[in-house]
Protein backbone atom coordinates (compact mmCIF):
# COMPACT_ATOMS: atom_id res chain seq x y z
CA UNK A 1 107.17 144.86 99.96
CA UNK A 2 103.96 142.90 99.34
CA UNK A 3 103.50 140.86 96.20
CA UNK A 4 100.13 141.79 94.53
CA UNK A 5 98.82 140.76 91.08
CA UNK A 6 95.78 140.25 89.16
CA UNK A 7 94.64 137.48 86.57
CA UNK A 8 91.69 137.32 84.43
CA UNK A 9 89.04 134.86 83.45
CA UNK A 10 86.21 134.98 81.12
CA UNK A 11 82.62 134.44 82.33
CA UNK A 12 79.27 134.40 80.49
CA UNK A 13 76.04 133.87 82.39
CA UNK A 14 72.49 133.71 81.44
CA UNK A 15 70.70 137.09 81.12
CA UNK A 16 68.83 138.21 84.29
CA UNK A 17 70.69 135.75 86.73
CA UNK A 18 72.80 136.86 89.72
CA UNK A 19 76.14 135.09 89.46
CA UNK A 20 78.27 134.69 92.39
CA UNK A 21 81.91 133.65 92.64
CA UNK A 22 84.16 131.69 95.07
CA UNK A 23 87.09 129.47 95.21
CA UNK A 24 87.57 126.38 97.34
CA UNK A 25 91.32 126.24 96.44
CA UNK A 26 93.73 125.96 99.40
CA UNK A 27 95.48 129.39 99.33
CA UNK A 28 98.95 128.10 99.63
CA UNK A 29 101.84 128.37 97.22
CA UNK A 30 104.02 125.15 97.35
CA UNK A 31 107.80 125.43 96.76
CA UNK A 32 109.69 123.30 94.37
CA UNK A 33 113.24 122.96 93.24
CA UNK A 34 115.49 125.01 95.76
CA UNK A 35 112.21 125.92 97.65
CA UNK A 36 111.03 122.38 98.23
CA UNK A 37 109.39 122.12 101.48
CA UNK A 38 108.44 125.78 101.57
CA UNK A 39 104.98 127.11 101.62
CA UNK A 40 103.49 130.63 101.22
CA UNK A 41 99.93 131.48 102.14
CA UNK A 42 98.24 134.01 99.83
CA UNK A 43 95.04 136.01 99.75
CA UNK A 44 92.33 136.11 96.90
CA UNK A 45 90.15 139.10 96.28
CA UNK A 46 88.09 140.94 93.79
CA UNK A 47 89.78 144.19 94.99
CA UNK A 48 93.41 145.17 94.11
CA UNK A 49 95.65 145.52 97.14
CA UNK A 50 93.12 143.92 99.53
CA UNK A 51 94.81 143.26 102.82
CA UNK A 52 92.47 140.28 103.69
CA UNK A 53 91.64 136.94 102.04
CA UNK A 54 88.12 138.06 101.24
CA UNK A 55 87.07 135.91 98.26
CA UNK A 56 84.62 133.35 99.70
CA UNK A 57 85.63 129.67 99.96
CA UNK A 58 82.19 128.15 99.79
CA UNK A 59 79.16 128.49 97.53
CA UNK A 60 77.16 129.33 100.54
CA UNK A 61 79.29 132.50 101.14
CA UNK A 62 79.79 133.29 97.47
CA UNK A 63 79.77 137.01 96.59
CA UNK A 64 78.46 138.92 93.61
CA UNK A 65 80.95 139.47 90.85
CA UNK A 66 82.21 142.96 90.95
CA UNK A 67 81.26 145.07 87.93
CA UNK A 68 79.62 142.20 86.21
CA UNK A 69 76.24 142.28 84.48
CA UNK A 70 74.75 138.95 83.38
CA UNK A 71 73.76 139.48 79.82
CA UNK A 72 74.81 136.23 78.12
CA UNK A 73 77.91 137.87 76.75
CA UNK A 74 81.48 136.83 77.74
CA UNK A 75 83.12 139.30 80.12
CA UNK A 76 86.52 139.70 81.77
CA UNK A 77 86.62 139.36 85.47
CA UNK A 78 89.78 140.05 87.49
CA UNK A 79 90.78 138.14 90.61
CA UNK A 80 93.76 139.46 92.58
CA UNK A 81 96.20 137.36 94.46
CA UNK A 82 98.27 138.93 97.29
CA UNK A 83 101.14 137.57 99.31
CA UNK A 84 101.83 139.73 102.49
CA UNK A 85 105.53 140.20 103.23
CA UNK A 86 105.09 138.35 106.46
CA UNK A 87 104.10 135.17 104.62
CA UNK A 88 107.21 134.89 102.56
CA UNK A 89 110.05 136.66 104.36
CA UNK A 90 111.30 133.54 105.98
CA UNK A 91 110.68 131.01 103.17
CA UNK A 92 113.57 129.54 101.09
CA UNK A 93 114.27 131.19 97.71
CA UNK A 94 113.05 129.43 94.67
CA UNK A 95 110.00 128.61 92.56
CA UNK A 96 106.44 128.51 94.09
CA UNK A 97 103.23 127.63 92.43
CA UNK A 98 99.51 126.88 93.02
CA UNK A 99 96.56 125.89 90.84
CA UNK A 100 93.53 128.05 91.61
CA UNK A 101 89.98 126.79 90.67
CA UNK A 102 87.20 129.46 90.42
CA UNK A 103 83.58 128.53 90.76
CA UNK A 104 80.58 130.65 89.45
CA UNK A 105 77.04 129.93 90.51
CA UNK A 106 74.25 131.50 88.59
């Protein structure tokens, strides 16, 4: 089994711009409590079920926001996180967390 979930953020960009999205966040969940010392790598993508970590990590490589039209109105954008089974199968059970910062250039 692979863990795969989506989270949303709200973005509003100036009409006529070409917004691009990326995240410089380290893509690692860090264990705490009974999982202290454990870490699990994860992928970020604009596509549900993406097998690769394909959300860019730099402004230079930023990609267009899927399905987004810059019109000045706030819109919902979904970013998917995926943890392949190979990344968590040997980690201690317990809570894992990460803070993800998304950047939008327009």
